[in-house]
Amino acid sequence: SAITVPTIVNGDMYSRKDIDEFKEMAGADSVMLARPALYNTSIFQKQSDALTKHEVIQEYLRESLRWQTNYANVKYVVCEMMNNRRAPHEFLHRLPQKYPGRQTIK
């Protein structure tokens, strides 16, 4: 009998639409993301349930407090989420939520 191996695609898919289209095109079972998930972790939810970046950061901070995460790690991750520096330049125009200058999270 044949062995079935799940296919996982990896890449810079910054929207749920991109994920769904690429999975269908490649016949993949799942996706593996790093930079897009850092940009907005709700990318794994159904689009109607997606959170804004602001909401994601607030939830991350709540969970960090709950789990007593090292503050230096929390600061690093929040800064990465806010500045999009790990996103490829060709995707920056597609990323709607930006924190220009020294804007803060309340």
PDB file of N, CA and C in Angstrom:
ATOM      1  N   SER A   1       0.839  -1.191   0.000  1.00  0.00           N
ATOM      2  CA  SER A   1       0.000   0.000   0.000  1.00  0.00           C
ATOM      3  C   SER A   1       0.880   1.249   0.000  1.00  0.00           C
ATOM      4  N   ALA A   2       0.364   2.307  -0.573  1.00  0.00           N
ATOM      5  CA  ALA A   2       1.108   3.564  -0.679  1.00  0.00           C
ATOM      6  C   ALA A   2       1.115   4.309   0.652  1.00  0.00           C
ATOM      7  N   ILE A   3       2.198   5.001   0.891  1.00  0.00           N
ATOM      8  CA  ILE A   3       2.326   5.827   2.091  1.00  0.00           C
ATOM      9  C   ILE A   3       1.908   7.249   1.735  1.00  0.00           C
ATOM     10  N   THR A   4       1.079   7.835   2.578  1.00  0.00           N
ATOM     11  CA  THR A   4       0.652   9.212   2.366  1.00  0.00           C
ATOM     12  C   THR A   4       1.491  10.127   3.241  1.00  0.00           C
ATOM     13  N   VAL A   5       2.119  11.094   2.620  1.00  0.00           N
ATOM     14  CA  VAL A   5       2.959  12.046   3.345  1.00  0.00           C
ATOM     15  C   VAL A   5       2.317  13.430   3.250  1.00  0.00           C
ATOM     16  N   PRO A   6       2.026  14.059   4.391  1.00  0.00           N
ATOM     17  CA  PRO A   6       1.445  15.406   4.344  1.00  0.00           C
ATOM     18  C   PRO A   6       2.432  16.396   3.721  1.00  0.00           C
ATOM     19  N   THR A   7       1.904  17.325   2.957  1.00  0.00           N
ATOM     20  CA  THR A   7       2.724  18.349   2.329  1.00  0.00           C
ATOM     21  C   THR A   7       2.533  19.664   3.071  1.00  0.00           C
ATOM     22  N   ILE A   8       3.643  20.287   3.450  1.00  0.00           N
ATOM     23  CA  ILE A   8       3.608  21.566   4.156  1.00  0.00           C
ATOM     24  C   ILE A   8       4.358  22.582   3.301  1.00  0.00           C
ATOM     25  N   VAL A   9       3.675  23.674   2.960  1.00  0.00           N
ATOM     26  CA  VAL A   9       4.332  24.734   2.187  1.00  0.00           C
ATOM     27  C   VAL A   9       4.852  25.802   3.135  1.00  0.00           C
ATOM     28  N   ASN A  10       5.916  26.462   2.715  1.00  0.00           N
ATOM     29  CA  ASN A  10       6.562  27.462   3.547  1.00  0.00           C
ATOM     30  C   ASN A  10       6.793  28.710   2.705  1.00  0.00           C
ATOM     31  N   GLY A  11       6.548  29.872   3.289  1.00  0.00           N
ATOM     32  CA  GLY A  11       6.830  31.077   2.529  1.00  0.00           C
ATOM     33  C   GLY A  11       6.199  32.316   3.111  1.00  0.00           C
ATOM     34  N   ASP A  12       6.400  33.409   2.417  1.00  0.00           N
ATOM     35  CA  ASP A  12       5.910  34.713   2.859  1.00  0.00           C
ATOM     36  C   ASP A  12       4.480  34.940   2.384  1.00  0.00           C
ATOM     37  N   MET A  13       3.549  34.338   3.066  1.00  0.00           N
ATOM     38  CA  MET A  13       2.127  34.514   2.777  1.00  0.00           C
ATOM     39  C   MET A  13       1.560  35.390   3.889  1.00  0.00           C
ATOM     40  N   TYR A  14       1.264  36.641   3.578  1.00  0.00           N
ATOM     41  CA  TYR A  14       0.889  37.616   4.598  1.00  0.00           C
ATOM     42  C   TYR A  14      -0.611  37.811   4.761  1.00  0.00           C
ATOM     43  N   SER A  15      -1.407  37.024   4.065  1.00  0.00           N
ATOM     44  CA  SER A  15      -2.856  37.117   4.257  1.00  0.00           C
ATOM     45  C   SER A  15      -3.449  35.716   4.227  1.00  0.00           C
ATOM     46  N   ARG A  16      -4.611  35.581   4.832  1.00  0.00           N
ATOM     47  CA  ARG A  16      -5.294  34.289   4.826  1.00  0.00           C
ATOM     48  C   ARG A  16      -5.629  33.887   3.388  1.00  0.00           C
ATOM     49  N   LYS A  17      -5.953  34.875   2.556  1.00  0.00           N
ATOM     50  CA  LYS A  17      -6.257  34.618   1.146  1.00  0.00           C
ATOM     51  C   LYS A  17      -5.038  34.012   0.449  1.00  0.00           C
ATOM     52  N   ASP A  18      -3.853  34.576   0.690  1.00  0.00           N
ATOM     53  CA  ASP A  18      -2.616  34.034   0.108  1.00  0.00           C
ATOM     54  C   ASP A  18      -2.400  32.587   0.546  1.00  0.00           C
ATOM     55  N   ILE A  19      -2.632  32.328   1.819  1.00  0.00           N
ATOM     56  CA  ILE A  19      -2.446  30.969   2.351  1.00  0.00           C
ATOM     57  C   ILE A  19      -3.381  29.996   1.651  1.00  0.00           C
ATOM     58  N   ASP A  20      -4.665  30.338   1.611  1.00  0.00           N
ATOM     59  CA  ASP A  20      -5.657  29.446   1.007  1.00  0.00           C
ATOM     60  C   ASP A  20      -5.370  29.205  -0.472  1.00  0.00           C
ATOM     61  N   GLU A  21      -5.013  30.262  -1.205  1.00  0.00           N
ATOM     62  CA  GLU A  21      -4.714  30.120  -2.635  1.00  0.00           C
ATOM     63  C   GLU A  21      -3.483  29.248  -2.865  1.00  0.00           C
ATOM     64  N   PHE A  22      -2.434  29.457  -2.071  1.00  0.00           N
ATOM     65  CA  PHE A  22      -1.205  28.691  -2.262  1.00  0.00           C
ATOM     66  C   PHE A  22      -1.405  27.229  -1.882  1.00  0.00           C
ATOM     67  N   LYS A  23      -2.162  26.984  -0.794  1.00  0.00           N
ATOM     68  CA  LYS A  23      -2.441  25.599  -0.404  1.00  0.00           C
ATOM     69  C   LYS A  23      -3.194  24.870  -1.511  1.00  0.00           C
ATOM     70  N   GLU A  24      -4.178  25.544  -2.094  1.00  0.00           N
ATOM     71  CA  GLU A  24      -4.955  24.920  -3.169  1.00  0.00           C
ATOM     72  C   GLU A  24      -4.085  24.674  -4.396  1.00  0.00           C
ATOM     73  N   MET A  25      -3.289  25.669  -4.778  1.00  0.00           N
ATOM     74  CA  MET A  25      -2.434  25.547  -5.956  1.00  0.00           C
ATOM     75  C   MET A  25      -1.420  24.409  -5.791  1.00  0.00           C
ATOM     76  N   ALA A  26      -0.832  24.297  -4.599  1.00  0.00           N
ATOM     77  CA  ALA A  26       0.211  23.302  -4.356  1.00  0.00           C
ATOM     78  C   ALA A  26      -0.347  21.957  -3.894  1.00  0.00           C
ATOM     79  N   GLY A  27      -1.634  21.919  -3.560  1.00  0.00           N
ATOM     80  CA  GLY A  27      -2.210  20.691  -3.021  1.00  0.00           C
ATOM     81  C   GLY A  27      -1.648  20.367  -1.647  1.00  0.00           C
ATOM     82  N   ALA A  28      -1.313  21.405  -0.895  1.00  0.00           N
ATOM     83  CA  ALA A  28      -0.673  21.227   0.413  1.00  0.00           C
ATOM     84  C   ALA A  28      -1.704  20.999   1.516  1.00  0.00           C
ATOM     85  N   ASP A  29      -1.252  20.338   2.569  1.00  0.00           N
ATOM     86  CA  ASP A  29      -2.100  20.078   3.728  1.00  0.00           C
ATOM     87  C   ASP A  29      -2.037  21.200   4.750  1.00  0.00           C
ATOM     88  N   SER A  30      -0.908  21.888   4.794  1.00  0.00           N
ATOM     89  CA  SER A  30      -0.714  22.906   5.822  1.00  0.00           C
ATOM     90  C   SER A  30       0.336  23.915   5.358  1.00  0.00           C
ATOM     91  N   VAL A  31       0.547  24.932   6.203  1.00  0.00           N
ATOM     92  CA  VAL A  31       1.575  25.937   5.920  1.00  0.00           C
ATOM     93  C   VAL A  31       2.487  26.108   7.125  1.00  0.00           C
ATOM     94  N   MET A  32       3.681  26.589   6.850  1.00  0.00           N
ATOM     95  CA  MET A  32       4.635  26.916   7.897  1.00  0.00           C
ATOM     96  C   MET A  32       5.076  28.355   7.642  1.00  0.00           C
ATOM     97  N   LEU A  33       4.842  29.217   8.615  1.00  0.00           N
ATOM     98  CA  LEU A  33       5.142  30.636   8.453  1.00  0.00           C
ATOM     99  C   LEU A  33       5.963  31.139   9.630  1.00  0.00           C
ATOM    100  N   ALA A  34       6.830  32.091   9.379  1.00  0.00           N
ATOM    101  CA  ALA A  34       7.592  32.732  10.456  1.00  0.00           C
ATOM    102  C   ALA A  34       7.315  34.230  10.438  1.00  0.00           C
ATOM    103  N   ARG A  35       7.876  34.947   9.464  1.00  0.00           N
ATOM    104  CA  ARG A  35       7.689  36.404   9.423  1.00  0.00           C
ATOM    105  C   ARG A  35       6.223  36.818   9.366  1.00  0.00           C
ATOM    106  N   PRO A  36       5.388  36.165   8.560  1.00  0.00           N
ATOM    107  CA  PRO A  36       3.980  36.580   8.549  1.00  0.00           C
ATOM    108  C   PRO A  36       3.295  36.394   9.901  1.00  0.00           C
ATOM    109  N   ALA A  37       3.657  35.353  10.618  1.00  0.00           N
ATOM    110  CA  ALA A  37       3.060  35.131  11.937  1.00  0.00           C
ATOM    111  C   ALA A  37       3.563  36.154  12.943  1.00  0.00           C
ATOM    112  N   LEU A  38       4.782  36.598  12.780  1.00  0.00           N
ATOM    113  CA  LEU A  38       5.300  37.647  13.651  1.00  0.00           C
ATOM    114  C   LEU A  38       4.582  38.961  13.366  1.00  0.00           C
ATOM    115  N   TYR A  39       4.264  39.183  12.105  1.00  0.00           N
ATOM    116  CA  TYR A  39       3.527  40.394  11.735  1.00  0.00           C
ATOM    117  C   TYR A  39       2.135  40.380  12.363  1.00  0.00           C
ATOM    118  N   ASN A  40       1.429  39.249  12.262  1.00  0.00           N
ATOM    119  CA  ASN A  40       0.092  39.154  12.855  1.00  0.00           C
ATOM    120  C   ASN A  40      -0.255  37.689  13.076  1.00  0.00           C
ATOM    121  N   THR A  41      -0.233  37.257  14.324  1.00  0.00           N
ATOM    122  CA  THR A  41      -0.481  35.857  14.647  1.00  0.00           C
ATOM    123  C   THR A  41      -1.895  35.404  14.327  1.00  0.00           C
ATOM    124  N   SER A  42      -2.823  36.316  14.166  1.00  0.00           N
ATOM    125  CA  SER A  42      -4.190  35.903  13.849  1.00  0.00           C
ATOM    126  C   SER A  42      -4.325  35.469  12.389  1.00  0.00           C
ATOM    127  N   ILE A  43      -3.225  35.445  11.642  1.00  0.00           N
ATOM    128  CA  ILE A  43      -3.265  34.985  10.257  1.00  0.00           C
ATOM    129  C   ILE A  43      -3.728  33.532  10.176  1.00  0.00           C
ATOM    130  N   PHE A  44      -3.597  32.785  11.251  1.00  0.00           N
ATOM    131  CA  PHE A  44      -4.002  31.385  11.258  1.00  0.00           C
ATOM    132  C   PHE A  44      -5.491  31.206  11.528  1.00  0.00           C
ATOM    133  N   GLN A  45      -6.184  32.271  11.880  1.00  0.00           N
ATOM    134  CA  GLN A  45      -7.622  32.204  12.133  1.00  0.00           C
ATOM    135  C   GLN A  45      -8.387  32.475  10.848  1.00  0.00           C
ATOM    136  N   LYS A  46      -9.668  32.103  10.863  1.00  0.00           N
ATOM    137  CA  LYS A  46     -10.525  32.449   9.732  1.00  0.00           C
ATOM    138  C   LYS A  46     -10.554  33.962   9.617  1.00  0.00           C
ATOM    139  N   GLN A  47     -10.642  34.453   8.397  1.00  0.00           N
ATOM    140  CA  GLN A  47     -10.549  35.893   8.166  1.00  0.00           C
ATOM    141  C   GLN A  47     -11.549  36.681   8.996  1.00  0.00           C
ATOM    142  N   SER A  48     -12.742  36.157   9.194  1.00  0.00           N
ATOM    143  CA  SER A  48     -13.746  36.888   9.968  1.00  0.00           C
ATOM    144  C   SER A  48     -13.354  37.010  11.439  1.00  0.00           C
ATOM    145  N   ASP A  49     -12.467  36.119  11.901  1.00  0.00           N
ATOM    146  CA  ASP A  49     -12.022  36.142  13.291  1.00  0.00           C
ATOM    147  C   ASP A  49     -10.676  36.841  13.469  1.00  0.00           C
ATOM    148  N   ALA A  50     -10.093  37.327  12.384  1.00  0.00           N
ATOM    149  CA  ALA A  50      -8.758  37.920  12.444  1.00  0.00           C
ATOM    150  C   ALA A  50      -8.752  39.159  13.340  1.00  0.00           C
ATOM    151  N   LEU A  51      -7.670  39.307  14.069  1.00  0.00           N
ATOM    152  CA  LEU A  51      -7.493  40.445  14.961  1.00  0.00           C
ATOM    153  C   LEU A  51      -6.652  41.514  14.272  1.00  0.00           C
ATOM    154  N   THR A  52      -6.792  42.738  14.730  1.00  0.00           N
ATOM    155  CA  THR A  52      -5.896  43.784  14.247  1.00  0.00           C
ATOM    156  C   THR A  52      -4.534  43.581  14.900  1.00  0.00           C
ATOM    157  N   LYS A  53      -3.514  44.186  14.333  1.00  0.00           N
ATOM    158  CA  LYS A  53      -2.186  44.070  14.934  1.00  0.00           C
ATOM    159  C   LYS A  53      -2.201  44.619  16.358  1.00  0.00           C
ATOM    160  N   HIS A  54      -2.917  45.703  16.559  1.00  0.00           N
ATOM    161  CA  HIS A  54      -3.041  46.310  17.884  1.00  0.00           C
ATOM    162  C   HIS A  54      -3.610  45.293  18.887  1.00  0.00           C
ATOM    163  N   GLU A  55      -4.662  44.581  18.493  1.00  0.00           N
ATOM    164  CA  GLU A  55      -5.272  43.570  19.366  1.00  0.00           C
ATOM    165  C   GLU A  55      -4.324  42.403  19.614  1.00  0.00           C
ATOM    166  N   VAL A  56      -3.587  42.007  18.587  1.00  0.00           N
ATOM    167  CA  VAL A  56      -2.628  40.907  18.740  1.00  0.00           C
ATOM    168  C   VAL A  56      -1.551  41.281  19.755  1.00  0.00           C
ATOM    169  N   ILE A  57      -1.030  42.497  19.648  1.00  0.00           N
ATOM    170  CA  ILE A  57       0.014  42.936  20.578  1.00  0.00           C
ATOM    171  C   ILE A  57      -0.530  43.016  21.997  1.00  0.00           C
ATOM    172  N   GLN A  58      -1.733  43.541  22.158  1.00  0.00           N
ATOM    173  CA  GLN A  58      -2.329  43.605  23.497  1.00  0.00           C
ATOM    174  C   GLN A  58      -2.493  42.208  24.087  1.00  0.00           C
ATOM    175  N   GLU A  59      -2.974  41.263  23.291  1.00  0.00           N
ATOM    176  CA  GLU A  59      -3.152  39.889  23.771  1.00  0.00           C
ATOM    177  C   GLU A  59      -1.798  39.257  24.095  1.00  0.00           C
ATOM    178  N   TYR A  60      -0.795  39.511  23.257  1.00  0.00           N
ATOM    179  CA  TYR A  60       0.547  38.989  23.517  1.00  0.00           C
ATOM    180  C   TYR A  60       1.075  39.514  24.856  1.00  0.00           C
ATOM    181  N   LEU A  61       0.862  40.796  25.115  1.00  0.00           N
ATOM    182  CA  LEU A  61       1.311  41.383  26.386  1.00  0.00           C
ATOM    183  C   LEU A  61       0.579  40.760  27.573  1.00  0.00           C
ATOM    184  N   ARG A  62      -0.727  40.544  27.435  1.00  0.00           N
ATOM    185  CA  ARG A  62      -1.488  39.886  28.519  1.00  0.00           C
ATOM    186  C   ARG A  62      -0.944  38.484  28.797  1.00  0.00           C
ATOM    187  N   GLU A  63      -0.724  37.719  27.723  1.00  0.00           N
ATOM    188  CA  GLU A  63      -0.214  36.355  27.894  1.00  0.00           C
ATOM    189  C   GLU A  63       1.215  36.358  28.441  1.00  0.00           C
ATOM    190  N   SER A  64       2.007  37.326  28.038  1.00  0.00           N
ATOM    191  CA  SER A  64       3.377  37.435  28.557  1.00  0.00           C
ATOM    192  C   SER A  64       3.371  37.674  30.061  1.00  0.00           C
ATOM    193  N   LEU A  65       2.461  38.519  30.511  1.00  0.00           N
ATOM    194  CA  LEU A  65       2.328  38.746  31.959  1.00  0.00           C
ATOM    195  C   LEU A  65       1.848  37.485  32.659  1.00  0.00           C
ATOM    196  N   ARG A  66       0.869  36.851  32.065  1.00  0.00           N
ATOM    197  CA  ARG A  66       0.302  35.632  32.661  1.00  0.00           C
ATOM    198  C   ARG A  66       1.372  34.552  32.840  1.00  0.00           C
ATOM    199  N   TRP A  67       2.245  34.401  31.857  1.00  0.00           N
ATOM    200  CA  TRP A  67       3.262  33.360  31.889  1.00  0.00           C
ATOM    201  C   TRP A  67       4.619  33.875  32.374  1.00  0.00           C
ATOM    202  N   GLN A  68       4.651  35.091  32.878  1.00  0.00           N
ATOM    203  CA  GLN A  68       5.863  35.695  33.439  1.00  0.00           C
ATOM    204  C   GLN A  68       7.055  35.570  32.478  1.00  0.00           C
ATOM    205  N   THR A  69       6.808  35.940  31.241  1.00  0.00           N
ATOM    206  CA  THR A  69       7.832  35.887  30.202  1.00  0.00           C
ATOM    207  C   THR A  69       8.901  36.942  30.466  1.00  0.00           C
ATOM    208  N   ASN A  70      10.133  36.610  30.149  1.00  0.00           N
ATOM    209  CA  ASN A  70      11.245  37.538  30.322  1.00  0.00           C
ATOM    210  C   ASN A  70      10.953  38.840  29.581  1.00  0.00           C
ATOM    211  N   TYR A  71      11.063  39.959  30.295  1.00  0.00           N
ATOM    212  CA  TYR A  71      10.677  41.249  29.713  1.00  0.00           C
ATOM    213  C   TYR A  71      11.494  41.615  28.474  1.00  0.00           C
ATOM    214  N   ALA A  72      12.765  41.230  28.437  1.00  0.00           N
ATOM    215  CA  ALA A  72      13.595  41.555  27.268  1.00  0.00           C
ATOM    216  C   ALA A  72      13.071  40.837  26.022  1.00  0.00           C
ATOM    217  N   ASN A  73      12.637  39.585  26.189  1.00  0.00           N
ATOM    218  CA  ASN A  73      12.065  38.851  25.059  1.00  0.00           C
ATOM    219  C   ASN A  73      10.756  39.483  24.603  1.00  0.00           C
ATOM    220  N   VAL A  74       9.932  39.880  25.564  1.00  0.00           N
ATOM    221  CA  VAL A  74       8.645  40.506  25.238  1.00  0.00           C
ATOM    222  C   VAL A  74       8.882  41.800  24.468  1.00  0.00           C
ATOM    223  N   LYS A  75       9.796  42.610  24.956  1.00  0.00           N
ATOM    224  CA  LYS A  75      10.105  43.880  24.292  1.00  0.00           C
ATOM    225  C   LYS A  75      10.584  43.635  22.861  1.00  0.00           C
ATOM    226  N   TYR A  76      11.463  42.666  22.678  1.00  0.00           N
ATOM    227  CA  TYR A  76      11.983  42.351  21.353  1.00  0.00           C
ATOM    228  C   TYR A  76      10.851  41.957  20.400  1.00  0.00           C
ATOM    229  N   VAL A  77       9.985  41.040  20.851  1.00  0.00           N
ATOM    230  CA  VAL A  77       8.903  40.559  19.992  1.00  0.00           C
ATOM    231  C   VAL A  77       7.932  41.680  19.643  1.00  0.00           C
ATOM    232  N   VAL A  78       7.560  42.500  20.621  1.00  0.00           N
ATOM    233  CA  VAL A  78       6.635  43.605  20.347  1.00  0.00           C
ATOM    234  C   VAL A  78       7.263  44.591  19.360  1.00  0.00           C
ATOM    235  N   CYS A  79       8.532  44.902  19.538  1.00  0.00           N
ATOM    236  CA  CYS A  79       9.207  45.804  18.590  1.00  0.00           C
ATOM    237  C   CYS A  79       9.221  45.206  17.186  1.00  0.00           C
ATOM    238  N   GLU A  80       9.456  43.906  17.080  1.00  0.00           N
ATOM    239  CA  GLU A  80       9.437  43.244  15.772  1.00  0.00           C
ATOM    240  C   GLU A  80       8.046  43.296  15.159  1.00  0.00           C
ATOM    241  N   MET A  81       7.022  43.099  15.978  1.00  0.00           N
ATOM    242  CA  MET A  81       5.650  43.140  15.476  1.00  0.00           C
ATOM    243  C   MET A  81       5.287  44.535  14.975  1.00  0.00           C
ATOM    244  N   MET A  82       5.809  45.556  15.623  1.00  0.00           N
ATOM    245  CA  MET A  82       5.420  46.923  15.300  1.00  0.00           C
ATOM    246  C   MET A  82       6.152  47.514  14.101  1.00  0.00           C
ATOM    247  N   ASN A  83       7.364  47.060  13.815  1.00  0.00           N
ATOM    248  CA  ASN A  83       8.129  47.794  12.801  1.00  0.00           C
ATOM    249  C   ASN A  83       8.220  47.136  11.427  1.00  0.00           C
ATOM    250  N   ASN A  84       7.758  45.929  11.278  1.00  0.00           N
ATOM    251  CA  ASN A  84       7.743  45.240   9.975  1.00  0.00           C
ATOM    252  C   ASN A  84       9.118  45.098   9.327  1.00  0.00           C
ATOM    253  N   ARG A  85      10.196  45.211  10.075  1.00  0.00           N
ATOM    254  CA  ARG A  85      11.515  45.192   9.432  1.00  0.00           C
ATOM    255  C   ARG A  85      11.879  43.827   8.870  1.00  0.00           C
ATOM    256  N   ARG A  86      11.237  42.781   9.320  1.00  0.00           N
ATOM    257  CA  ARG A  86      11.539  41.454   8.792  1.00  0.00           C
ATOM    258  C   ARG A  86      10.684  41.103   7.575  1.00  0.00           C
ATOM    259  N   ALA A  87       9.718  41.944   7.272  1.00  0.00           N
ATOM    260  CA  ALA A  87       8.882  41.703   6.091  1.00  0.00           C
ATOM    261  C   ALA A  87       9.662  42.095   4.840  1.00  0.00           C
ATOM    262  N   PRO A  88       9.604  41.276   3.808  1.00  0.00           N
ATOM    263  CA  PRO A  88      10.278  41.641   2.556  1.00  0.00           C
ATOM    264  C   PRO A  88       9.736  42.970   2.027  1.00  0.00           C
ATOM    265  N   HIS A  89      10.600  43.782   1.478  1.00  0.00           N
ATOM    266  CA  HIS A  89      10.214  45.116   1.011  1.00  0.00           C
ATOM    267  C   HIS A  89       9.060  45.081   0.010  1.00  0.00           C
ATOM    268  N   GLU A  90       9.016  44.033  -0.816  1.00  0.00           N
ATOM    269  CA  GLU A  90       7.942  43.979  -1.811  1.00  0.00           C
ATOM    270  C   GLU A  90       6.564  43.741  -1.182  1.00  0.00           C
ATOM    271  N   PHE A  91       6.531  43.342   0.097  1.00  0.00           N
ATOM    272  CA  PHE A  91       5.258  43.120   0.781  1.00  0.00           C
ATOM    273  C   PHE A  91       4.820  44.315   1.623  1.00  0.00           C
ATOM    274  N   LEU A  92       5.712  45.243   1.883  1.00  0.00           N
ATOM    275  CA  LEU A  92       5.402  46.334   2.807  1.00  0.00           C
ATOM    276  C   LEU A  92       4.169  47.134   2.404  1.00  0.00           C
ATOM    277  N   HIS A  93       3.972  47.353   1.118  1.00  0.00           N
ATOM    278  CA  HIS A  93       2.795  48.116   0.686  1.00  0.00           C
ATOM    279  C   HIS A  93       1.491  47.367   0.940  1.00  0.00           C
ATOM    280  N   ARG A  94       1.563  46.037   1.125  1.00  0.00           N
ATOM    281  CA  ARG A  94       0.367  45.232   1.377  1.00  0.00           C
ATOM    282  C   ARG A  94       0.052  45.107   2.862  1.00  0.00           C
ATOM    283  N   LEU A  95       0.944  45.538   3.722  1.00  0.00           N
ATOM    284  CA  LEU A  95       0.741  45.401   5.159  1.00  0.00           C
ATOM    285  C   LEU A  95       0.046  46.650   5.677  1.00  0.00           C
ATOM    286  N   PRO A  96      -1.242  46.551   5.971  1.00  0.00           N
ATOM    287  CA  PRO A  96      -2.036  47.746   6.251  1.00  0.00           C
ATOM    288  C   PRO A  96      -1.778  48.402   7.595  1.00  0.00           C
ATOM    289  N   GLN A  97      -1.325  47.655   8.578  1.00  0.00           N
ATOM    290  CA  GLN A  97      -1.207  48.205   9.921  1.00  0.00           C
ATOM    291  C   GLN A  97       0.235  48.570  10.205  1.00  0.00           C
ATOM    292  N   LYS A  98       0.476  49.850  10.364  1.00  0.00           N
ATOM    293  CA  LYS A  98       1.833  50.329  10.619  1.00  0.00           C
ATOM    294  C   LYS A  98       1.831  51.172  11.875  1.00  0.00           C
ATOM    295  N   TYR A  99       2.956  51.254  12.504  1.00  0.00           N
ATOM    296  CA  TYR A  99       3.137  52.093  13.681  1.00  0.00           C
ATOM    297  C   TYR A  99       4.263  53.069  13.377  1.00  0.00           C
ATOM    298  N   PRO A 100       3.962  54.159  12.660  1.00  0.00           N
ATOM    299  CA  PRO A 100       5.013  55.092  12.267  1.00  0.00           C
ATOM    300  C   PRO A 100       5.580  55.862  13.452  1.00  0.00           C
ATOM    301  N   GLY A 101       6.811  56.284  13.303  1.00  0.00           N
ATOM    302  CA  GLY A 101       7.431  57.108  14.340  1.00  0.00           C
ATOM    303  C   GLY A 101       7.523  56.392  15.669  1.00  0.00           C
ATOM    304  N   ARG A 102       7.071  57.061  16.690  1.00  0.00           N
ATOM    305  CA  ARG A 102       7.168  56.493  18.039  1.00  0.00           C
ATOM    306  C   ARG A 102       5.791  56.205  18.632  1.00  0.00           C
ATOM    307  N   GLN A 103       4.855  55.809  17.800  1.00  0.00           N
ATOM    308  CA  GLN A 103       3.511  55.502  18.279  1.00  0.00           C
ATOM    309  C   GLN A 103       3.572  54.377  19.305  1.00  0.00           C
ATOM    310  N   THR A 104       2.681  54.417  20.283  1.00  0.00           N
ATOM    311  CA  THR A 104       2.695  53.424  21.349  1.00  0.00           C
ATOM    312  C   THR A 104       1.411  52.610  21.361  1.00  0.00           C
ATOM    313  N   ILE A 105       1.461  51.505  22.062  1.00  0.00           N
ATOM    314  CA  ILE A 105       0.299  50.636  22.279  1.00  0.00           C
ATOM    315  C   ILE A 105      -0.293  50.987  23.628  1.00  0.00           C
ATOM    316  N   LYS A 106      -1.583  51.251  23.666  1.00  0.00           N
ATOM    317  CA  LYS A 106      -2.246  51.574  24.937  1.00  0.00           C
ATOM    318  C   LYS A 106      -3.002  50.386  25.451  1.00  0.00           C
TER     319      LYS A 106
END
